[in-house]
Amino acid sequence: MSLRFHWFLPTNGDGRDIVGGGHGVAVGAAGAIRPPSVKYLGQIARSAEQLGFEGALTPTGAWCEDAWLTCAMLTEVTERLKFLVAFRPGQISPTLSAQMAATFQRQSQGRLLLNVVTGGESAEQRAYGDFLDKDQRYQRTAEFLDIVTRLWQGETVTKQGRHLHVEGARLSRLPDPVPDIYFGGSSAAAGPVAARYSDVYLTWGEPPSAVNDKLRWIEAQAAEHDRKLRLGIRLHTISRDTSEEAWRQAGYLMERVTDDMIAKVQSGLATSESEGQRRMRALHDSGDRRGLRDLEIHPNLWAGVGLVRGGAGTSLVGSHEEVANLIEEYANLGITEFILSGYPHLEESYWFGEGVLPILERRGRWRHPAPPREAPQTVTPFAPTHTASNQRTAAS
């Protein structure tokens, strides 16, 4: 199976420094520079589309722009790119969500993917009027997805759950195609929900051995429901022509980070209820800066991003060839979908798209979903257009 690559839309701002966000981390913890306007995000989306990325993840939370509205606007400045819209079931009714997804599919010609986020931290959830605890939020997510998926199949749904209640719910027009559901979660409460309702299970970028354990765990749970999930991973990337250049860029990012920034971010992350976030923090000893290469937790896998950013905290770092090798290592575990990002997101999309993707294409691991139809250039710019013999003939 050809690997699928998705990029990321930084709807909380972008820049040449690591931009914080998510899981209680303040926006701009290490310097937000470029506002997340539709014009700028459109640049990133069009570049990702051109380079061969299949979709783009858009985050959700109080720290960023609304994903539904932003992605709806961006469909007008792109042609093929799909939008992996992150949303939280507790903030919207299941019937309205199913209807919104169906509308998005029709208006975009089938370019919606959905990333179900059960919830952020309890303090943020309460700001939205949600007072359930973590386990209750997963119970509600299961009820939510049961209603939504049944509506998408054309059923009339009446359901009295512990947290959700609908009567006679039905869609007047069904989504075509039904959007894939992407779902991540590392806790015991997350596993059964992901196994039963997701199409793609996502993990953050831990070392391959840890990722392998998690993937086998979710596959066993999915098998109990006679289901087989696609598997994906969320990572950052710093890819350059040489390994030295890539690590120099990683060093530049760390030079811009102060000990006070790290302490502030880690203090917030220490209170996180997320099992995945706990695992991310463990990769860098919960805020220990150490030396640049000391945070290389597996060859070409670097945990430095997680010092000042919540959520995905590891990055592929190395030459294009080295990064391609590590991607293949993950692919050999069964991962077929890679959701990537880098600082700044516009420039890093080109480093990866022009450096790594061609290597994977030559190895038969990837192909462009819509190859450009451009005639090859047959004339070398500024070179003479006549040979010496032609010139002599013309002179005679």
Protein backbone atom coordinates (compact mmCIF):
# COMPACT_ATOMS: atom_id res chain seq x y z
CA MET A 1 0.00 0.00 0.00
CA SER A 2 1.27 3.45 -0.92
CA LEU A 3 2.00 5.62 2.10
CA ARG A 4 -0.16 8.70 2.64
CA PHE A 5 1.27 11.99 3.86
CA HIS A 6 -0.66 14.85 5.44
CA TRP A 7 0.59 18.28 6.47
CA PHE A 8 -0.55 20.59 9.28
CA LEU A 9 -2.26 23.99 9.27
CA PRO A 10 -0.99 26.17 12.16
CA THR A 11 -4.24 27.96 13.02
CA ASN A 12 -2.70 29.37 16.20
CA GLY A 13 0.09 31.15 14.32
CA ASP A 14 3.34 30.17 12.66
CA GLY A 15 6.94 31.30 12.70
CA ARG A 16 10.61 30.44 12.69
CA ASP A 17 10.45 29.47 16.36
CA ILE A 18 8.57 26.62 18.01
CA VAL A 19 5.02 27.87 18.47
CA GLY A 20 3.26 26.51 21.55
CA GLY A 21 -0.34 25.43 21.76
CA GLY A 22 -2.63 22.75 23.07
CA HIS A 23 -2.89 20.98 26.40
CA GLY A 24 -2.85 24.20 28.39
CA VAL A 25 0.30 25.67 26.80
CA ALA A 26 0.04 29.40 26.14
CA VAL A 27 -0.02 30.49 22.51
CA GLY A 28 3.29 32.01 21.51
CA ALA A 29 5.24 30.27 24.27
CA ALA A 30 8.28 30.47 22.02
CA GLY A 31 7.18 33.23 19.66
CA ALA A 32 4.27 33.30 17.20
CA ILE A 33 5.15 35.51 14.25
CA ARG A 34 2.83 34.87 11.30
CA PRO A 35 -0.90 35.35 11.96
CA PRO A 36 -3.12 32.43 10.87
CA SER A 37 -4.97 34.36 8.18
CA VAL A 38 -6.76 32.59 5.35
CA LYS A 39 -4.23 34.11 2.96
CA TYR A 40 -1.25 32.64 4.82
CA LEU A 41 -2.88 29.31 5.59
CA GLY A 42 -3.91 29.20 1.95
CA GLN A 43 -0.25 29.47 0.96
CA ILE A 44 0.55 26.46 3.12
CA ALA A 45 -2.44 24.48 1.86
CA ARG A 46 -1.69 25.14 -1.81
CA SER A 47 1.97 24.25 -1.31
CA ALA A 48 1.05 20.99 0.43
CA GLU A 49 -1.34 20.16 -2.39
CA GLN A 50 1.29 20.82 -5.05
CA LEU A 51 3.97 18.80 -3.25
CA GLY A 52 1.81 15.68 -2.97
CA PHE A 53 0.40 15.78 0.55
CA GLU A 54 -3.03 14.17 0.60
CA GLY A 55 -4.57 16.20 3.40
CA ALA A 56 -3.90 18.72 6.15
CA LEU A 57 -4.73 18.44 9.85
CA THR A 58 -6.31 21.46 11.51
CA PRO A 59 -6.26 21.49 15.34
CA THR A 60 -9.02 22.30 17.79
CA GLY A 61 -8.99 24.16 21.09
CA ALA A 62 -9.35 27.55 22.71
CA TRP A 63 -5.80 28.40 21.62
CA CYS A 64 -6.46 28.32 17.84
CA GLU A 65 -8.95 29.37 15.19
CA ASP A 66 -12.05 27.22 14.68
CA ALA A 67 -11.21 24.28 12.44
CA TRP A 68 -14.59 23.86 10.71
CA LEU A 69 -14.83 27.48 9.59
CA THR A 70 -11.18 27.77 8.61
CA CYS A 71 -11.18 24.62 6.50
CA ALA A 72 -14.45 25.55 4.80
CA MET A 73 -12.82 28.79 3.67
CA LEU A 74 -9.68 27.02 2.50
CA THR A 75 -11.59 24.69 0.19
CA GLU A 76 -12.07 27.73 -2.05
CA VAL A 77 -8.33 28.27 -2.53
CA THR A 78 -7.40 24.62 -3.10
CA GLU A 79 -8.49 21.95 -5.56
CA ARG A 80 -7.62 18.49 -4.26
CA LEU A 81 -6.28 18.76 -0.72
CA LYS A 82 -8.41 17.07 1.95
CA PHE A 83 -8.98 18.69 5.33
CA LEU A 84 -8.59 16.65 8.49
CA VAL A 85 -10.83 18.70 10.76
CA ALA A 86 -10.25 18.15 14.48
CA PHE A 87 -13.36 18.55 16.62
CA ARG A 88 -14.64 17.70 20.08
CA PRO A 89 -17.88 15.74 20.40
CA GLY A 90 -18.90 17.48 23.62
CA GLN A 91 -19.20 20.88 21.97
CA ILE A 92 -21.83 20.11 19.34
CA SER A 93 -24.81 17.81 18.91
CA PRO A 94 -24.24 14.55 17.03
CA THR A 95 -27.08 15.24 14.58
CA LEU A 96 -25.75 18.69 13.71
CA SER A 97 -22.21 17.29 13.38
CA ALA A 98 -23.42 14.59 10.97
CA GLN A 99 -25.27 17.24 8.98
CA MET A 100 -22.24 19.56 8.88
CA ALA A 101 -20.03 16.74 7.65
CA ALA A 102 -22.52 15.86 4.92
CA THR A 103 -22.69 19.49 3.81
CA PHE A 104 -18.90 19.81 3.82
CA GLN A 105 -18.58 16.70 1.66
CA ARG A 106 -21.04 18.00 -0.92
CA GLN A 107 -19.63 21.52 -1.08
CA SER A 108 -15.99 20.35 -1.22
CA GLN A 109 -16.55 17.34 -3.50
CA GLY A 110 -15.58 14.86 -0.80
CA ARG A 111 -12.56 16.52 0.81
CA LEU A 112 -13.45 16.10 4.50
CA LEU A 113 -11.68 13.86 7.02
CA LEU A 114 -12.53 13.99 10.73
CA ASN A 115 -10.16 13.86 13.69
CA VAL A 116 -12.22 13.12 16.80
CA VAL A 117 -10.68 14.69 19.92
CA THR A 118 -12.43 13.43 23.04
CA GLY A 119 -11.41 16.48 25.04
CA GLY A 120 -8.61 18.72 26.15
CA GLU A 121 -7.86 19.40 29.77
CA SER A 122 -10.77 19.62 32.20
CA ALA A 123 -10.20 23.34 32.86
CA GLU A 124 -10.52 24.11 29.15
CA GLN A 125 -13.52 21.80 28.79
CA ARG A 126 -15.30 23.63 31.61
CA ALA A 127 -14.76 26.91 29.78
CA TYR A 128 -16.87 25.42 27.00
CA GLY A 129 -19.53 24.32 29.45
CA ASP A 130 -18.42 20.68 29.63
CA PHE A 131 -18.10 19.33 33.18
CA LEU A 132 -17.62 15.61 32.52
CA ASP A 133 -14.45 13.90 33.71
CA LYS A 134 -12.08 12.12 31.35
CA ASP A 135 -13.68 8.65 31.48
CA GLN A 136 -17.14 10.16 31.06
CA ARG A 137 -15.92 12.10 28.01
CA TYR A 138 -14.84 8.86 26.35
CA GLN A 139 -18.23 7.31 27.15
CA ARG A 140 -19.91 10.30 25.52
CA THR A 141 -17.62 10.05 22.48
CA ALA A 142 -18.71 6.44 21.97
CA GLU A 143 -22.38 7.46 22.13
CA PHE A 144 -21.71 10.38 19.80
CA LEU A 145 -19.95 8.27 17.17
CA ASP A 146 -22.63 5.59 17.36
CA ILE A 147 -25.28 8.18 16.50
CA VAL A 148 -23.25 9.93 13.81
CA THR A 149 -22.16 6.79 11.97
CA ARG A 150 -25.71 5.42 11.97
CA LEU A 151 -27.02 8.71 10.58
CA TRP A 152 -24.44 8.58 7.80
CA GLN A 153 -25.76 5.13 6.87
CA GLY A 154 -29.23 6.57 6.39
CA GLU A 155 -30.80 5.31 9.60
CA THR A 156 -33.42 7.13 11.63
CA VAL A 157 -31.85 7.18 15.06
CA THR A 158 -33.47 7.28 18.47
CA LYS A 159 -31.00 6.78 21.29
CA GLN A 160 -31.15 7.37 25.01
CA GLY A 161 -27.58 7.16 26.25
CA ARG A 162 -25.99 8.09 29.52
CA HIS A 163 -24.83 11.41 28.09
CA LEU A 164 -26.66 11.94 24.77
CA HIS A 165 -30.30 11.67 23.80
CA VAL A 166 -31.79 12.03 20.30
CA GLU A 167 -35.23 11.15 18.99
CA GLY A 168 -36.07 10.50 15.34
CA ALA A 169 -32.81 11.94 14.09
CA ARG A 170 -32.31 11.60 10.33
CA LEU A 171 -30.31 13.29 7.57
CA SER A 172 -32.08 14.59 4.50
CA ARG A 173 -28.91 14.12 2.43
CA LEU A 174 -26.12 11.64 3.18
CA PRO A 175 -22.39 12.37 2.88
CA ASP A 176 -20.73 10.91 -0.20
CA PRO A 177 -18.24 9.59 0.55
CA VAL A 178 -18.65 9.03 4.27
CA PRO A 179 -15.64 10.81 5.85
CA ASP A 180 -12.97 8.69 7.49
CA ILE A 181 -12.68 9.05 11.26
CA TYR A 182 -9.19 9.53 12.71
CA PHE A 183 -8.83 8.87 16.42
CA GLY A 184 -5.92 8.99 18.85
CA GLY A 185 -5.70 7.93 22.47
CA SER A 186 -3.30 6.02 24.69
CA SER A 187 -5.41 5.44 27.79
CA ALA A 188 -7.43 2.37 28.72
CA ALA A 189 -10.61 4.39 28.19
CA ALA A 190 -9.59 5.40 24.67
CA GLY A 191 -8.82 1.95 23.29
CA PRO A 192 -12.34 0.47 23.03
CA VAL A 193 -13.75 3.64 21.43
CA ALA A 194 -10.97 3.83 18.84
CA ALA A 195 -11.23 0.11 18.10
CA ARG A 196 -14.95 0.24 17.46
CA TYR A 197 -15.45 3.52 15.63
CA SER A 198 -12.25 4.83 14.03
CA ASP A 199 -11.00 4.19 10.52
CA VAL A 200 -7.48 5.40 11.29
CA TYR A 201 -5.83 5.06 14.70
CA LEU A 202 -3.25 7.78 15.40
CA THR A 203 -0.28 7.74 17.73
CA TRP A 204 2.26 10.40 18.54
CA GLY A 205 5.87 9.82 17.54
CA GLU A 206 7.40 7.61 20.17
CA PRO A 207 10.39 5.36 19.36
CA PRO A 208 9.44 2.50 17.01
CA SER A 209 9.51 -0.17 19.75
CA ALA A 210 6.99 1.77 21.87
CA VAL A 211 4.87 2.55 18.82
CA ASN A 212 4.85 -1.14 17.91
CA ASP A 213 3.50 -2.07 21.35
CA LYS A 214 0.72 0.51 21.08
CA LEU A 215 -0.26 -0.55 17.57
CA ARG A 216 -0.49 -4.21 18.51
CA TRP A 217 -2.62 -3.18 21.52
CA ILE A 218 -5.16 -1.32 19.39
CA GLU A 219 -5.18 -3.99 16.70
CA ALA A 220 -6.08 -6.63 19.28
CA GLN A 221 -8.98 -4.50 20.50
CA ALA A 222 -10.20 -3.86 16.96
CA ALA A 223 -10.07 -7.59 16.21
CA GLU A 224 -12.60 -8.15 19.01
CA HIS A 225 -15.05 -6.18 16.84
CA ASP A 226 -13.93 -7.93 13.61
CA ARG A 227 -12.39 -4.67 12.43
CA LYS A 228 -9.02 -3.80 10.93
CA LEU A 229 -7.89 -0.21 11.27
CA ARG A 230 -5.46 1.83 9.23
CA LEU A 231 -2.61 3.15 11.37
CA GLY A 232 -1.12 6.64 11.45
CA ILE A 233 1.48 8.70 13.28
CA ARG A 234 1.83 12.41 14.10
CA LEU A 235 5.34 13.90 13.92
CA HIS A 236 7.29 17.05 13.19
CA THR A 237 10.07 17.04 10.62
CA ILE A 238 13.39 18.78 10.00
CA SER A 239 14.84 17.42 6.75
CA ARG A 240 17.85 18.85 4.93
CA ASP A 241 20.34 17.90 2.22
CA THR A 242 22.78 16.72 4.89
CA SER A 243 22.38 15.46 8.42
CA GLU A 244 24.61 18.27 9.71
CA GLU A 245 22.31 20.91 8.22
CA ALA A 246 19.24 19.31 9.77
CA TRP A 247 20.75 19.15 13.25
CA ARG A 248 21.98 22.71 12.86
CA GLN A 249 18.37 23.77 12.29
CA ALA A 250 17.23 21.80 15.35
CA GLY A 251 19.94 23.61 17.31
CA TYR A 252 18.68 26.96 16.02
CA LEU A 253 15.19 26.16 17.35
CA MET A 254 16.62 25.32 20.77
CA GLU A 255 18.74 28.47 20.88
CA ARG A 256 15.54 30.49 20.74
CA VAL A 257 14.08 28.68 23.76
CA THR A 258 14.88 29.86 27.28
CA ASP A 259 14.90 27.84 30.48
CA ASP A 260 12.02 30.00 31.72
CA MET A 261 9.96 29.05 28.67
CA ILE A 262 10.61 25.38 29.27
CA ALA A 263 9.76 25.63 32.95
CA LYS A 264 6.50 27.48 32.23
CA VAL A 265 5.35 25.03 29.56
CA GLN A 266 6.32 21.94 31.51
CA SER A 267 4.54 23.24 34.59
CA GLY A 268 1.34 23.36 32.57
CA LEU A 269 1.88 19.99 30.93
CA ALA A 270 2.56 18.35 34.30
CA THR A 271 -1.10 18.80 35.19
CA SER A 272 -2.34 17.20 31.97
CA GLU A 273 -4.81 14.33 32.25
CA SER A 274 -3.66 12.94 28.89
CA GLU A 275 -1.83 9.61 28.93
CA GLY A 276 -0.34 10.47 25.55
CA GLN A 277 0.99 13.74 26.95
CA ARG A 278 2.51 11.91 29.91
CA ARG A 279 4.31 9.62 27.47
CA MET A 280 5.57 12.60 25.48
CA ARG A 281 6.97 14.26 28.62
CA ALA A 282 8.71 11.04 29.63
CA LEU A 283 10.73 11.15 26.41
CA HIS A 284 12.62 14.26 27.56
CA ASP A 285 12.56 13.62 31.32
CA SER A 286 9.75 16.16 31.81
CA GLY A 287 11.65 19.25 30.73
CA ASP A 288 15.34 18.36 30.97
CA ARG A 289 17.04 20.39 28.21
CA ARG A 290 20.31 18.42 28.16
CA GLY A 291 22.44 18.51 25.00
CA LEU A 292 20.90 18.71 21.55
CA ARG A 293 21.77 15.15 20.54
CA ASP A 294 21.01 13.85 24.05
CA LEU A 295 17.34 14.37 23.14
CA GLU A 296 17.75 12.05 20.14
CA ILE A 297 15.69 9.19 21.63
CA HIS A 298 16.06 6.93 18.58
CA PRO A 299 18.26 7.45 15.52
CA ASN A 300 16.93 10.62 13.83
CA LEU A 301 14.00 10.97 16.26
CA TRP A 302 14.33 14.09 18.43
CA ALA A 303 12.24 14.98 21.52
CA GLY A 304 13.25 18.65 21.72
CA VAL A 305 9.97 20.04 20.35
CA GLY A 306 8.08 18.67 23.34
CA LEU A 307 10.04 20.90 25.72
CA VAL A 308 7.90 23.88 24.71
CA ARG A 309 4.92 22.42 22.86
CA GLY A 310 2.00 20.37 24.04
CA GLY A 311 0.73 17.44 22.01
CA ALA A 312 3.07 15.98 19.40
CA GLY A 313 6.55 16.57 20.77
CA THR A 314 8.96 14.62 18.58
CA SER A 315 10.53 15.37 15.22
CA LEU A 316 12.21 13.47 12.42
CA VAL A 317 15.65 15.09 12.07
CA GLY A 318 18.29 14.23 9.51
CA SER A 319 19.20 14.14 5.87
CA HIS A 320 16.43 13.40 3.42
CA GLU A 321 17.74 9.86 3.15
CA GLU A 322 17.85 9.38 6.94
CA VAL A 323 14.33 10.72 7.38
CA ALA A 324 13.07 8.45 4.61
CA ASN A 325 14.73 5.49 6.35
CA LEU A 326 12.98 6.25 9.64
CA ILE A 327 9.65 6.64 7.87
CA GLU A 328 10.17 3.20 6.36
CA GLU A 329 10.96 1.84 9.81
CA TYR A 330 7.58 3.07 11.02
CA ALA A 331 5.91 1.82 7.85
CA ASN A 332 7.28 -1.66 8.53
CA LEU A 333 5.27 -1.61 11.78
CA GLY A 334 2.07 -1.16 9.75
CA ILE A 335 1.80 2.64 9.69
CA THR A 336 0.49 3.93 6.37
CA GLU A 337 -0.48 7.52 7.22
CA PHE A 338 1.94 10.22 8.36
CA ILE A 339 0.74 13.61 9.64
CA LEU A 340 3.70 15.98 9.65
CA SER A 341 4.54 19.57 10.47
CA GLY A 342 7.57 21.83 10.85
CA TYR A 343 8.62 25.39 11.69
CA PRO A 344 7.82 27.40 9.68
CA HIS A 345 5.15 25.23 8.09
CA LEU A 346 5.39 26.81 4.65
CA GLU A 347 9.13 26.34 4.23
CA GLU A 348 9.34 22.95 5.91
CA SER A 349 6.65 21.54 3.63
CA TYR A 350 9.02 22.16 0.72
CA TRP A 351 12.07 20.68 2.46
CA PHE A 352 10.14 17.47 3.06
CA GLY A 353 8.11 17.46 -0.14
CA GLU A 354 11.05 18.08 -2.44
CA GLY A 355 13.64 16.15 -0.39
CA VAL A 356 12.04 13.10 1.20
CA LEU A 357 8.99 12.28 -0.92
CA PRO A 358 11.01 11.72 -4.14
CA ILE A 359 13.21 9.21 -2.27
CA LEU A 360 10.16 7.30 -1.05
CA GLU A 361 8.73 7.43 -4.57
CA ARG A 362 11.89 5.88 -6.02
CA ARG A 363 11.69 3.15 -3.37
CA GLY A 364 8.09 2.38 -4.37
CA ARG A 365 6.70 3.55 -1.01
CA TRP A 366 4.78 6.60 -2.22
CA ARG A 367 3.26 8.14 -5.30
CA HIS A 368 1.90 11.60 -5.89
CA PRO A 369 -1.91 11.54 -5.62
CA ALA A 370 -2.19 13.97 -8.56
CA PRO A 371 1.09 14.17 -10.50
CA PRO A 372 1.60 17.53 -12.25
CA ARG A 373 1.07 17.39 -15.99
CA GLU A 374 3.98 19.51 -17.11
CA ALA A 375 6.07 18.98 -20.21
CA PRO A 376 9.76 18.45 -19.43
CA GLN A 377 12.06 21.35 -20.22
CA THR A 378 14.11 20.58 -23.33
CA VAL A 379 16.14 23.78 -23.59
CA THR A 380 18.85 24.76 -21.14
CA PRO A 381 18.38 28.41 -20.11
CA PHE A 382 21.05 30.80 -21.45
CA ALA A 383 22.78 28.02 -23.42
CA PRO A 384 23.48 28.57 -27.14
CA THR A 385 20.52 27.48 -29.26
CA HIS A 386 22.65 26.61 -32.33
CA THR A 387 25.47 24.10 -32.67
CA ALA A 388 28.74 25.03 -34.28
CA SER A 389 27.78 23.15 -37.48
CA ASN A 390 24.50 25.06 -37.67
CA GLN A 391 26.36 28.31 -37.27
CA ARG A 392 28.77 27.41 -40.13
CA THR A 393 25.87 26.47 -42.38
CA ALA A 394 24.16 29.75 -41.63
CA ALA A 395 27.38 31.66 -42.40
CA SER A 396 27.82 29.98 -45.79
